[in-house]
């Protein structure tokens, strides 16, 4: 709701994100996905906790 109303945007000082900031967010999300897939693929959390979920 806040992002739709210009009045509420002014109250919480929302501004559109710049291009380089969008790029940074996309890069962080991409790295996070790779990290999660690595942990899941090698079952690193299972090994760390010492459980066998298979």
Protein backbone atom coordinates (compact mmCIF):
# COMPACT_ATOMS: atom_id res chain seq x y z
CA UNK A 1 0.00 0.00 0.00
CA UNK A 2 2.81 2.40 0.83
CA UNK A 3 4.48 2.10 -2.57
CA UNK A 4 1.21 2.96 -4.37
CA UNK A 5 0.40 6.19 -2.54
CA UNK A 6 2.71 9.18 -3.17
CA UNK A 7 1.69 10.68 0.17
CA UNK A 8 2.68 7.55 2.10
CA UNK A 9 5.89 7.30 0.05
CA UNK A 10 6.83 10.79 1.22
CA UNK A 11 6.10 9.89 4.85
CA UNK A 12 8.47 6.90 4.87
CA UNK A 13 10.86 8.50 2.33
CA UNK A 14 10.68 5.73 -0.29
CA UNK A 15 12.64 6.29 -3.49
CA UNK A 16 13.06 4.16 -6.60
CA UNK A 17 16.23 2.05 -6.58
CA UNK A 18 19.04 3.01 -8.91
CA UNK A 19 20.34 0.66 -11.59
CA UNK A 20 23.57 -0.26 -9.80
CA UNK A 21 21.65 -1.05 -6.62
CA UNK A 22 19.32 -3.39 -8.54
CA UNK A 23 22.42 -5.06 -9.97
CA UNK A 24 23.89 -5.47 -6.48
CA UNK A 25 20.67 -7.02 -5.19
CA UNK A 26 20.52 -9.44 -8.14
CA UNK A 27 24.17 -10.42 -7.55
CA UNK A 28 23.57 -11.05 -3.84
CA UNK A 29 20.48 -13.15 -4.58
CA UNK A 30 22.39 -15.13 -7.22
CA UNK A 31 25.24 -15.85 -4.77
CA UNK A 32 22.73 -16.81 -2.06
CA UNK A 33 21.03 -19.29 -4.43
CA UNK A 34 24.38 -20.88 -5.33
CA UNK A 35 25.31 -21.12 -1.64
CA UNK A 36 21.99 -22.78 -0.75
CA UNK A 37 22.22 -25.22 -3.67
CA UNK A 38 25.74 -26.16 -2.59
CA UNK A 39 24.65 -26.77 0.99
CA UNK A 40 21.68 -28.80 -0.21
CA UNK A 41 23.56 -30.75 -2.88
CA UNK A 42 26.41 -31.82 -0.60
CA UNK A 43 24.12 -32.21 2.43
CA UNK A 44 26.44 -29.99 4.44
CA UNK A 45 23.81 -29.07 7.03
CA UNK A 46 23.01 -32.76 7.63
CA UNK A 47 26.69 -33.49 8.16
CA UNK A 48 27.15 -30.48 10.42
CA UNK A 49 24.17 -31.45 12.60
CA UNK A 50 25.10 -35.14 12.54
CA UNK A 51 21.70 -36.32 11.29
CA UNK A 52 20.78 -38.71 8.48
CA UNK A 53 17.64 -37.54 6.68
CA UNK A 54 17.75 -40.05 3.84
